[in-house]
Amino acid sequence: AGWVAGVYLSTTPTTGVKPIKIEFTVYVNDGPLNMRTSPSTSGSVVNTLPTDAKLQVADGPATGSGYTWWKLRSSNWGTGWVVADYIGRR
């Protein structure tokens, strides 16, 4: 037992997490999720994605507004940037 600095801790699990790369298929884990025109919270919202939406990775990662972003595309949802924390592979 002991103390550690919080900056070295993560709430994101490191085991079982599948990496994301361009051309991979990903799903929205926690919707609704805003898809934006740029990798920033100031980018205009292109679409709002529901939980379980299926998309393909088109570009990224990029950083902006304190987040990591991936550019996703889908014939159902269009193309835009989303925060990486809310998507994953299955």
PDB file of N, CA and C in Angstrom:
ATOM      1  N   ALA A   1       0.841  -1.182   0.000  1.00  0.00           N
ATOM      2  CA  ALA A   1       0.000   0.000   0.000  1.00  0.00           C
ATOM      3  C   ALA A   1       0.875   1.230   0.000  1.00  0.00           C
ATOM      4  N   GLY A   2       0.394   2.296  -0.655  1.00  0.00           N
ATOM      5  CA  GLY A   2       1.159   3.532  -0.699  1.00  0.00           C
ATOM      6  C   GLY A   2       0.459   4.563  -1.547  1.00  0.00           C
ATOM      7  N   TRP A   3       1.147   5.633  -1.802  1.00  0.00           N
ATOM      8  CA  TRP A   3       0.594   6.754  -2.548  1.00  0.00           C
ATOM      9  C   TRP A   3       1.288   6.884  -3.896  1.00  0.00           C
ATOM     10  N   VAL A   4       0.528   7.298  -4.907  1.00  0.00           N
ATOM     11  CA  VAL A   4       1.093   7.599  -6.218  1.00  0.00           C
ATOM     12  C   VAL A   4       0.473   8.897  -6.732  1.00  0.00           C
ATOM     13  N   ALA A   5       1.199   9.570  -7.602  1.00  0.00           N
ATOM     14  CA  ALA A   5       0.675  10.800  -8.194  1.00  0.00           C
ATOM     15  C   ALA A   5      -0.411  10.448  -9.208  1.00  0.00           C
ATOM     16  N   GLY A   6      -1.527  11.139  -9.157  1.00  0.00           N
ATOM     17  CA  GLY A   6      -2.662  10.868 -10.034  1.00  0.00           C
ATOM     18  C   GLY A   6      -2.361  11.009 -11.514  1.00  0.00           C
ATOM     19  N   VAL A   7      -1.368  11.834 -11.880  1.00  0.00           N
ATOM     20  CA  VAL A   7      -1.043  12.011 -13.302  1.00  0.00           C
ATOM     21  C   VAL A   7      -0.517  10.731 -13.938  1.00  0.00           C
ATOM     22  N   TYR A   8      -0.095   9.773 -13.104  1.00  0.00           N
ATOM     23  CA  TYR A   8       0.428   8.512 -13.637  1.00  0.00           C
ATOM     24  C   TYR A   8      -0.628   7.417 -13.686  1.00  0.00           C
ATOM     25  N   LEU A   9      -1.855   7.743 -13.334  1.00  0.00           N
ATOM     26  CA  LEU A   9      -2.944   6.775 -13.340  1.00  0.00           C
ATOM     27  C   LEU A   9      -3.873   7.043 -14.518  1.00  0.00           C
ATOM     28  N   SER A  10      -4.554   6.012 -14.974  1.00  0.00           N
ATOM     29  CA  SER A  10      -5.487   6.137 -16.080  1.00  0.00           C
ATOM     30  C   SER A  10      -6.759   5.386 -15.756  1.00  0.00           C
ATOM     31  N   THR A  11      -7.891   5.921 -16.207  1.00  0.00           N
ATOM     32  CA  THR A  11      -9.151   5.203 -16.041  1.00  0.00           C
ATOM     33  C   THR A  11      -9.420   4.316 -17.257  1.00  0.00           C
ATOM     34  N   THR A  12      -8.524   4.396 -18.263  1.00  0.00           N
ATOM     35  CA  THR A  12      -8.662   3.588 -19.463  1.00  0.00           C
ATOM     36  C   THR A  12      -7.934   2.261 -19.261  1.00  0.00           C
ATOM     37  N   PRO A  13      -8.612   1.137 -19.448  1.00  0.00           N
ATOM     38  CA  PRO A  13      -7.948  -0.145 -19.273  1.00  0.00           C
ATOM     39  C   PRO A  13      -6.859  -0.330 -20.324  1.00  0.00           C
ATOM     40  N   THR A  14      -5.741  -0.938 -19.906  1.00  0.00           N
ATOM     41  CA  THR A  14      -4.642  -1.161 -20.839  1.00  0.00           C
ATOM     42  C   THR A  14      -4.598  -2.593 -21.336  1.00  0.00           C
ATOM     43  N   THR A  15      -5.312  -3.490 -20.695  1.00  0.00           N
ATOM     44  CA  THR A  15      -5.342  -4.866 -21.165  1.00  0.00           C
ATOM     45  C   THR A  15      -6.603  -5.089 -21.977  1.00  0.00           C
ATOM     46  N   GLY A  16      -6.472  -5.772 -23.077  1.00  0.00           N
ATOM     47  CA  GLY A  16      -7.625  -6.068 -23.904  1.00  0.00           C
ATOM     48  C   GLY A  16      -8.037  -4.942 -24.835  1.00  0.00           C
ATOM     49  N   VAL A  17      -7.329  -3.811 -24.798  1.00  0.00           N
ATOM     50  CA  VAL A  17      -7.655  -2.699 -25.682  1.00  0.00           C
ATOM     51  C   VAL A  17      -6.990  -2.958 -27.032  1.00  0.00           C
ATOM     52  N   LYS A  18      -7.771  -2.910 -28.097  1.00  0.00           N
ATOM     53  CA  LYS A  18      -7.245  -3.141 -29.440  1.00  0.00           C
ATOM     54  C   LYS A  18      -6.818  -1.812 -30.045  1.00  0.00           C
ATOM     55  N   PRO A  19      -5.637  -1.770 -30.650  1.00  0.00           N
ATOM     56  CA  PRO A  19      -5.177  -0.509 -31.236  1.00  0.00           C
ATOM     57  C   PRO A  19      -6.043  -0.091 -32.415  1.00  0.00           C
ATOM     58  N   ILE A  20      -6.061   1.195 -32.683  1.00  0.00           N
ATOM     59  CA  ILE A  20      -6.808   1.750 -33.806  1.00  0.00           C
ATOM     60  C   ILE A  20      -5.799   2.252 -34.832  1.00  0.00           C
ATOM     61  N   LYS A  21      -6.055   1.930 -36.098  1.00  0.00           N
ATOM     62  CA  LYS A  21      -5.208   2.378 -37.206  1.00  0.00           C
ATOM     63  C   LYS A  21      -6.100   2.748 -38.382  1.00  0.00           C
ATOM     64  N   ILE A  22      -5.531   3.496 -39.331  1.00  0.00           N
ATOM     65  CA  ILE A  22      -6.260   3.886 -40.534  1.00  0.00           C
ATOM     66  C   ILE A  22      -6.735   2.641 -41.273  1.00  0.00           C
ATOM     67  N   GLU A  23      -7.977   2.702 -41.753  1.00  0.00           N
ATOM     68  CA  GLU A  23      -8.695   1.641 -42.467  1.00  0.00           C
ATOM     69  C   GLU A  23      -9.357   0.614 -41.541  1.00  0.00           C
ATOM     70  N   PHE A  24      -9.095   0.656 -40.237  1.00  0.00           N
ATOM     71  CA  PHE A  24      -9.759  -0.260 -39.303  1.00  0.00           C
ATOM     72  C   PHE A  24     -11.226   0.129 -39.148  1.00  0.00           C
ATOM     73  N   THR A  25     -12.054  -0.834 -38.829  1.00  0.00           N
ATOM     74  CA  THR A  25     -13.453  -0.591 -38.497  1.00  0.00           C
ATOM     75  C   THR A  25     -13.543  -0.357 -36.988  1.00  0.00           C
ATOM     76  N   VAL A  26     -14.266   0.687 -36.610  1.00  0.00           N
ATOM     77  CA  VAL A  26     -14.462   1.007 -35.203  1.00  0.00           C
ATOM     78  C   VAL A  26     -15.949   1.222 -34.927  1.00  0.00           C
ATOM     79  N   TYR A  27     -16.299   1.207 -33.660  1.00  0.00           N
ATOM     80  CA  TYR A  27     -17.683   1.395 -33.215  1.00  0.00           C
ATOM     81  C   TYR A  27     -17.719   2.467 -32.137  1.00  0.00           C
ATOM     82  N   VAL A  28     -18.830   3.187 -32.067  1.00  0.00           N
ATOM     83  CA  VAL A  28     -19.036   4.162 -30.999  1.00  0.00           C
ATOM     84  C   VAL A  28     -19.398   3.385 -29.739  1.00  0.00           C
ATOM     85  N   ASN A  29     -18.588   3.544 -28.696  1.00  0.00           N
ATOM     86  CA  ASN A  29     -18.819   2.843 -27.431  1.00  0.00           C
ATOM     87  C   ASN A  29     -19.777   3.595 -26.518  1.00  0.00           C
ATOM     88  N   ASP A  30     -19.817   4.912 -26.656  1.00  0.00           N
ATOM     89  CA  ASP A  30     -20.606   5.723 -25.728  1.00  0.00           C
ATOM     90  C   ASP A  30     -21.195   6.920 -26.487  1.00  0.00           C
ATOM     91  N   GLY A  31     -22.394   6.740 -27.029  1.00  0.00           N
ATOM     92  CA  GLY A  31     -23.045   7.816 -27.774  1.00  0.00           C
ATOM     93  C   GLY A  31     -24.103   8.481 -26.922  1.00  0.00           C
ATOM     94  N   PRO A  32     -24.673   9.556 -27.381  1.00  0.00           N
ATOM     95  CA  PRO A  32     -24.386  10.193 -28.644  1.00  0.00           C
ATOM     96  C   PRO A  32     -23.007  10.869 -28.634  1.00  0.00           C
ATOM     97  N   LEU A  33     -22.332  10.789 -29.792  1.00  0.00           N
ATOM     98  CA  LEU A  33     -20.983  11.315 -29.949  1.00  0.00           C
ATOM     99  C   LEU A  33     -20.971  12.299 -31.118  1.00  0.00           C
ATOM    100  N   ASN A  34     -20.486  13.512 -30.870  1.00  0.00           N
ATOM    101  CA  ASN A  34     -20.421  14.518 -31.933  1.00  0.00           C
ATOM    102  C   ASN A  34     -19.291  14.206 -32.902  1.00  0.00           C
ATOM    103  N   MET A  35     -19.610  14.204 -34.194  1.00  0.00           N
ATOM    104  CA  MET A  35     -18.620  14.097 -35.264  1.00  0.00           C
ATOM    105  C   MET A  35     -18.425  15.521 -35.784  1.00  0.00           C
ATOM    106  N   ARG A  36     -17.167  15.979 -35.867  1.00  0.00           N
ATOM    107  CA  ARG A  36     -16.889  17.385 -36.173  1.00  0.00           C
ATOM    108  C   ARG A  36     -16.070  17.561 -37.464  1.00  0.00           C
ATOM    109  N   THR A  37     -16.059  18.792 -37.971  1.00  0.00           N
ATOM    110  CA  THR A  37     -15.345  19.111 -39.209  1.00  0.00           C
ATOM    111  C   THR A  37     -13.833  19.153 -39.031  1.00  0.00           C
ATOM    112  N   SER A  38     -13.365  19.310 -37.803  1.00  0.00           N
ATOM    113  CA  SER A  38     -11.934  19.372 -37.515  1.00  0.00           C
ATOM    114  C   SER A  38     -11.674  18.717 -36.164  1.00  0.00           C
ATOM    115  N   PRO A  39     -10.416  18.338 -35.897  1.00  0.00           N
ATOM    116  CA  PRO A  39     -10.112  17.693 -34.612  1.00  0.00           C
ATOM    117  C   PRO A  39     -10.028  18.695 -33.467  1.00  0.00           C
ATOM    118  N   SER A  40     -11.166  19.287 -33.142  1.00  0.00           N
ATOM    119  CA  SER A  40     -11.260  20.321 -32.119  1.00  0.00           C
ATOM    120  C   SER A  40     -12.712  20.447 -31.670  1.00  0.00           C
ATOM    121  N   THR A  41     -12.910  20.804 -30.421  1.00  0.00           N
ATOM    122  CA  THR A  41     -14.276  21.019 -29.939  1.00  0.00           C
ATOM    123  C   THR A  41     -14.901  22.263 -30.558  1.00  0.00           C
ATOM    124  N   SER A  42     -14.086  23.090 -31.227  1.00  0.00           N
ATOM    125  CA  SER A  42     -14.642  24.261 -31.910  1.00  0.00           C
ATOM    126  C   SER A  42     -15.050  23.955 -33.354  1.00  0.00           C
ATOM    127  N   GLY A  43     -14.731  22.747 -33.848  1.00  0.00           N
ATOM    128  CA  GLY A  43     -15.173  22.356 -35.186  1.00  0.00           C
ATOM    129  C   GLY A  43     -16.682  22.187 -35.217  1.00  0.00           C
ATOM    130  N   SER A  44     -17.295  22.520 -36.332  1.00  0.00           N
ATOM    131  CA  SER A  44     -18.748  22.378 -36.462  1.00  0.00           C
ATOM    132  C   SER A  44     -19.147  20.905 -36.395  1.00  0.00           C
ATOM    133  N   VAL A  45     -20.310  20.643 -35.818  1.00  0.00           N
ATOM    134  CA  VAL A  45     -20.812  19.273 -35.713  1.00  0.00           C
ATOM    135  C   VAL A  45     -21.371  18.845 -37.069  1.00  0.00           C
ATOM    136  N   VAL A  46     -20.830  17.755 -37.616  1.00  0.00           N
ATOM    137  CA  VAL A  46     -21.264  17.195 -38.894  1.00  0.00           C
ATOM    138  C   VAL A  46     -22.457  16.266 -38.686  1.00  0.00           C
ATOM    139  N   ASN A  47     -22.366  15.474 -37.615  1.00  0.00           N
ATOM    140  CA  ASN A  47     -23.409  14.492 -37.313  1.00  0.00           C
ATOM    141  C   ASN A  47     -23.286  14.106 -35.846  1.00  0.00           C
ATOM    142  N   THR A  48     -24.300  13.490 -35.312  1.00  0.00           N
ATOM    143  CA  THR A  48     -24.266  12.958 -33.949  1.00  0.00           C
ATOM    144  C   THR A  48     -24.432  11.452 -34.056  1.00  0.00           C
ATOM    145  N   LEU A  49     -23.415  10.727 -33.593  1.00  0.00           N
ATOM    146  CA  LEU A  49     -23.369   9.277 -33.758  1.00  0.00           C
ATOM    147  C   LEU A  49     -23.960   8.565 -32.544  1.00  0.00           C
ATOM    148  N   PRO A  50     -24.792   7.569 -32.774  1.00  0.00           N
ATOM    149  CA  PRO A  50     -25.352   6.804 -31.653  1.00  0.00           C
ATOM    150  C   PRO A  50     -24.380   5.715 -31.200  1.00  0.00           C
ATOM    151  N   THR A  51     -24.610   5.197 -30.025  1.00  0.00           N
ATOM    152  CA  THR A  51     -23.853   4.033 -29.546  1.00  0.00           C
ATOM    153  C   THR A  51     -23.993   2.910 -30.567  1.00  0.00           C
ATOM    154  N   ASP A  52     -22.907   2.203 -30.809  1.00  0.00           N
ATOM    155  CA  ASP A  52     -22.814   1.066 -31.741  1.00  0.00           C
ATOM    156  C   ASP A  52     -22.744   1.455 -33.209  1.00  0.00           C
ATOM    157  N   ALA A  53     -22.683   2.763 -33.546  1.00  0.00           N
ATOM    158  CA  ALA A  53     -22.493   3.151 -34.942  1.00  0.00           C
ATOM    159  C   ALA A  53     -21.169   2.564 -35.429  1.00  0.00           C
ATOM    160  N   LYS A  54     -21.173   2.040 -36.651  1.00  0.00           N
ATOM    161  CA  LYS A  54     -20.012   1.380 -37.240  1.00  0.00           C
ATOM    162  C   LYS A  54     -19.422   2.298 -38.305  1.00  0.00           C
ATOM    163  N   LEU A  55     -18.101   2.589 -38.199  1.00  0.00           N
ATOM    164  CA  LEU A  55     -17.434   3.491 -39.130  1.00  0.00           C
ATOM    165  C   LEU A  55     -16.034   2.972 -39.444  1.00  0.00           C
ATOM    166  N   GLN A  56     -15.403   3.574 -40.451  1.00  0.00           N
ATOM    167  CA  GLN A  56     -14.051   3.201 -40.832  1.00  0.00           C
ATOM    168  C   GLN A  56     -13.120   4.377 -40.538  1.00  0.00           C
ATOM    169  N   VAL A  57     -11.917   4.066 -40.052  1.00  0.00           N
ATOM    170  CA  VAL A  57     -10.933   5.097 -39.739  1.00  0.00           C
ATOM    171  C   VAL A  57     -10.317   5.615 -41.035  1.00  0.00           C
ATOM    172  N   ALA A  58     -10.386   6.936 -41.249  1.00  0.00           N
ATOM    173  CA  ALA A  58      -9.875   7.563 -42.463  1.00  0.00           C
ATOM    174  C   ALA A  58      -8.563   8.311 -42.245  1.00  0.00           C
ATOM    175  N   ASP A  59      -8.338   8.806 -41.017  1.00  0.00           N
ATOM    176  CA  ASP A  59      -7.135   9.595 -40.750  1.00  0.00           C
ATOM    177  C   ASP A  59      -6.946   9.716 -39.242  1.00  0.00           C
ATOM    178  N   GLY A  60      -5.753  10.150 -38.862  1.00  0.00           N
ATOM    179  CA  GLY A  60      -5.461  10.366 -37.448  1.00  0.00           C
ATOM    180  C   GLY A  60      -4.339   9.469 -36.983  1.00  0.00           C
ATOM    181  N   PRO A  61      -4.037   9.538 -35.730  1.00  0.00           N
ATOM    182  CA  PRO A  61      -4.662  10.411 -34.732  1.00  0.00           C
ATOM    183  C   PRO A  61      -4.174  11.853 -34.853  1.00  0.00           C
ATOM    184  N   ALA A  62      -4.970  12.745 -34.310  1.00  0.00           N
ATOM    185  CA  ALA A  62      -4.632  14.167 -34.235  1.00  0.00           C
ATOM    186  C   ALA A  62      -4.982  14.637 -32.831  1.00  0.00           C
ATOM    187  N   THR A  63      -4.358  15.698 -32.394  1.00  0.00           N
ATOM    188  CA  THR A  63      -4.680  16.245 -31.075  1.00  0.00           C
ATOM    189  C   THR A  63      -5.272  17.634 -31.235  1.00  0.00           C
ATOM    190  N   GLY A  64      -6.203  17.939 -30.360  1.00  0.00           N
ATOM    191  CA  GLY A  64      -6.828  19.257 -30.347  1.00  0.00           C
ATOM    192  C   GLY A  64      -7.774  19.385 -29.179  1.00  0.00           C
ATOM    193  N   SER A  65      -7.825  20.555 -28.598  1.00  0.00           N
ATOM    194  CA  SER A  65      -8.716  20.843 -27.464  1.00  0.00           C
ATOM    195  C   SER A  65      -8.488  19.886 -26.292  1.00  0.00           C
ATOM    196  N   GLY A  66      -7.251  19.371 -26.169  1.00  0.00           N
ATOM    197  CA  GLY A  66      -6.923  18.476 -25.060  1.00  0.00           C
ATOM    198  C   GLY A  66      -7.327  17.027 -25.274  1.00  0.00           C
ATOM    199  N   TYR A  67      -7.735  16.661 -26.471  1.00  0.00           N
ATOM    200  CA  TYR A  67      -8.176  15.302 -26.781  1.00  0.00           C
ATOM    201  C   TYR A  67      -7.382  14.724 -27.952  1.00  0.00           C
ATOM    202  N   THR A  68      -7.429  13.410 -28.066  1.00  0.00           N
ATOM    203  CA  THR A  68      -6.948  12.713 -29.246  1.00  0.00           C
ATOM    204  C   THR A  68      -8.158  12.422 -30.114  1.00  0.00           C
ATOM    205  N   TRP A  69      -8.013  12.633 -31.431  1.00  0.00           N
ATOM    206  CA  TRP A  69      -9.128  12.519 -32.373  1.00  0.00           C
ATOM    207  C   TRP A  69      -8.779  11.559 -33.498  1.00  0.00           C
ATOM    208  N   TRP A  70      -9.796  10.908 -34.035  1.00  0.00           N
ATOM    209  CA  TRP A  70      -9.688  10.096 -35.249  1.00  0.00           C
ATOM    210  C   TRP A  70     -10.711  10.593 -36.250  1.00  0.00           C
ATOM    211  N   LYS A  71     -10.317  10.629 -37.532  1.00  0.00           N
ATOM    212  CA  LYS A  71     -11.250  10.979 -38.597  1.00  0.00           C
ATOM    213  C   LYS A  71     -11.907   9.693 -39.072  1.00  0.00           C
ATOM    214  N   LEU A  72     -13.227   9.658 -39.026  1.00  0.00           N
ATOM    215  CA  LEU A  72     -13.996   8.468 -39.383  1.00  0.00           C
ATOM    216  C   LEU A  72     -14.887   8.748 -40.581  1.00  0.00           C
ATOM    217  N   ARG A  73     -15.256   7.674 -41.294  1.00  0.00           N
ATOM    218  CA  ARG A  73     -16.169   7.824 -42.431  1.00  0.00           C
ATOM    219  C   ARG A  73     -17.120   6.642 -42.475  1.00  0.00           C
ATOM    220  N   SER A  74     -18.287   6.913 -43.045  1.00  0.00           N
ATOM    221  CA  SER A  74     -19.319   5.897 -43.196  1.00  0.00           C
ATOM    222  C   SER A  74     -20.331   6.397 -44.206  1.00  0.00           C
ATOM    223  N   SER A  75     -20.876   5.489 -44.998  1.00  0.00           N
ATOM    224  CA  SER A  75     -21.928   5.904 -45.936  1.00  0.00           C
ATOM    225  C   SER A  75     -23.182   6.340 -45.171  1.00  0.00           C
ATOM    226  N   ASN A  76     -23.373   5.819 -43.970  1.00  0.00           N
ATOM    227  CA  ASN A  76     -24.535   6.200 -43.151  1.00  0.00           C
ATOM    228  C   ASN A  76     -24.347   7.518 -42.407  1.00  0.00           C
ATOM    229  N   TRP A  77     -23.129   7.808 -41.969  1.00  0.00           N
ATOM    230  CA  TRP A  77     -22.905   8.915 -41.041  1.00  0.00           C
ATOM    231  C   TRP A  77     -22.056  10.041 -41.611  1.00  0.00           C
ATOM    232  N   GLY A  78     -21.462   9.861 -42.779  1.00  0.00           N
ATOM    233  CA  GLY A  78     -20.612  10.902 -43.352  1.00  0.00           C
ATOM    234  C   GLY A  78     -19.173  10.765 -42.875  1.00  0.00           C
ATOM    235  N   THR A  79     -18.433  11.867 -42.951  1.00  0.00           N
ATOM    236  CA  THR A  79     -17.015  11.884 -42.581  1.00  0.00           C
ATOM    237  C   THR A  79     -16.758  13.029 -41.622  1.00  0.00           C
ATOM    238  N   GLY A  80     -15.976  12.761 -40.573  1.00  0.00           N
ATOM    239  CA  GLY A  80     -15.627  13.798 -39.617  1.00  0.00           C
ATOM    240  C   GLY A  80     -14.758  13.251 -38.504  1.00  0.00           C
ATOM    241  N   TRP A  81     -14.395  14.125 -37.605  1.00  0.00           N
ATOM    242  CA  TRP A  81     -13.481  13.811 -36.497  1.00  0.00           C
ATOM    243  C   TRP A  81     -14.247  13.544 -35.208  1.00  0.00           C
ATOM    244  N   VAL A  82     -13.796  12.518 -34.462  1.00  0.00           N
ATOM    245  CA  VAL A  82     -14.401  12.197 -33.159  1.00  0.00           C
ATOM    246  C   VAL A  82     -13.306  11.982 -32.115  1.00  0.00           C
ATOM    247  N   VAL A  83     -13.662  12.210 -30.868  1.00  0.00           N
ATOM    248  CA  VAL A  83     -12.731  11.990 -29.764  1.00  0.00           C
ATOM    249  C   VAL A  83     -12.488  10.494 -29.582  1.00  0.00           C
ATOM    250  N   ALA A  84     -11.228  10.117 -29.514  1.00  0.00           N
ATOM    251  CA  ALA A  84     -10.817   8.718 -29.444  1.00  0.00           C
ATOM    252  C   ALA A  84     -11.367   7.980 -28.229  1.00  0.00           C
ATOM    253  N   ASP A  85     -11.619   8.681 -27.144  1.00  0.00           N
ATOM    254  CA  ASP A  85     -12.068   8.039 -25.903  1.00  0.00           C
ATOM    255  C   ASP A  85     -13.404   7.318 -26.047  1.00  0.00           C
ATOM    256  N   TYR A  86     -14.171   7.647 -27.071  1.00  0.00           N
ATOM    257  CA  TYR A  86     -15.528   7.117 -27.183  1.00  0.00           C
ATOM    258  C   TYR A  86     -15.712   6.094 -28.289  1.00  0.00           C
ATOM    259  N   ILE A  87     -14.606   5.655 -28.905  1.00  0.00           N
ATOM    260  CA  ILE A  87     -14.685   4.656 -29.966  1.00  0.00           C
ATOM    261  C   ILE A  87     -13.750   3.494 -29.659  1.00  0.00           C
ATOM    262  N   GLY A  88     -13.980   2.368 -30.322  1.00  0.00           N
ATOM    263  CA  GLY A  88     -13.086   1.222 -30.129  1.00  0.00           C
ATOM    264  C   GLY A  88     -13.363   0.138 -31.149  1.00  0.00           C
ATOM    265  N   ARG A  89     -12.449  -0.814 -31.199  1.00  0.00           N
ATOM    266  CA  ARG A  89     -12.610  -1.972 -32.069  1.00  0.00           C
ATOM    267  C   ARG A  89     -13.271  -3.084 -31.300  1.00  0.00           C
ATOM    268  N   ARG A  90     -13.864  -4.011 -32.033  1.00  0.00           N
ATOM    269  CA  ARG A  90     -14.513  -5.171 -31.388  1.00  0.00           C
ATOM    270  C   ARG A  90     -13.963  -6.444 -31.952  1.00  0.00           C
TER     271      ARG A  90
END
